[in-house]
Amino acid sequence: MHTAYSLETIFEPARKAAESLIAQTGIRPECAIVLGSGIEIFEDLEDTQVLPFSAIEGFPAASVKGHKGELTLGKHQGKPIAIFRGRLHRYEGHPWRNVVFPITLMHALGVKHVVMTNSAGGIHHYLTPGDLVLIRDHIYFQPTSEEERAFLYLQGGPRQLFNYKPETLAMAIDAALEAGVAIKHGTYAGLIGPTYETPAELKLFGKAGADVVGMSTVPEAMWAQALNMNVVCISCVTNVTHNIAALAQTSHEEVVEVAQRSSQNLENLLKALLKRLP
């Protein structure tokens, strides 16, 4: 299965894009943050340079509302960071290598720490819109492609372990305490979308151990971990799925609106976390 694939075919386009970005901006980010639907943070970076995804060589086009489709490069308290304002989803029709292209690009830029954020549905009664959930584990409900399996095998081997490091989770918890931001913990169920889940599906996911559910993050987190990058994932609960009446009225516009309202708490937490990342 793997003879038709070569790691160079996925790394070379990202390497060219990274060289071009560094030549244009002079910035080599140490940390990168991926923003989910409607999340708006870090508008006050120093030495900011903004590039639409379309201006980055080889970057696939993003089409989802609530995703600006921009890369912001700049500095926070002197630390160079990259903010991906939007992401790519498989339900847009992208193959796996497109979905993870931002991660491959981060790796080529020399990024060591990746913070993934997303807007998610809260499955259990203790979750309410606006809650932030630190992801301790995930359930991969998306069907995998041959391409994804091949590259994960080539990069990490058959026994690659995907996990969220306890020491990094502890940093995020300490950061939340310092920032005075309440944060819960949970498991993220990553579906392919683009539809919201049925009540029966949600009951299944809850029994399987999931706390929040969304349509992104897992492929990116797995590839980042395979590339030996330090990964933190935080979900913003934008709608609750345990209330059937509320679930029936869930819309993308509602998701974006709640995410925007929760953005300040998330930004305060991440600013405290950035100080702790080595």
Foldseek 3Di string as FASTA:
>chain_A
DQPVDDPCVLLVQLLVLLVVVCVVQVFQAQEEEEDAAQFDADPPFASKDKDAQVVGGPQDDADDPRAPRMWIWGHDVRHTYIYRRHFHAVVVVDALSNRQSVLSNNVSSNHFEYEYEYAWAFLDPVDDALAKEWEFEEAEPEDHDPVLVNVLCVLANPPDDQGADPVLVVLLVVLLVVLVHDYHYAYEYAYRDDDDDDLVVSVVCVVVGGGIYDHGDPSNSSVNVSSNHRYIYMYRHQHYVNDPVRVVVDDSVSSSVSSNVNNVSVNSSVSSSVVVDD
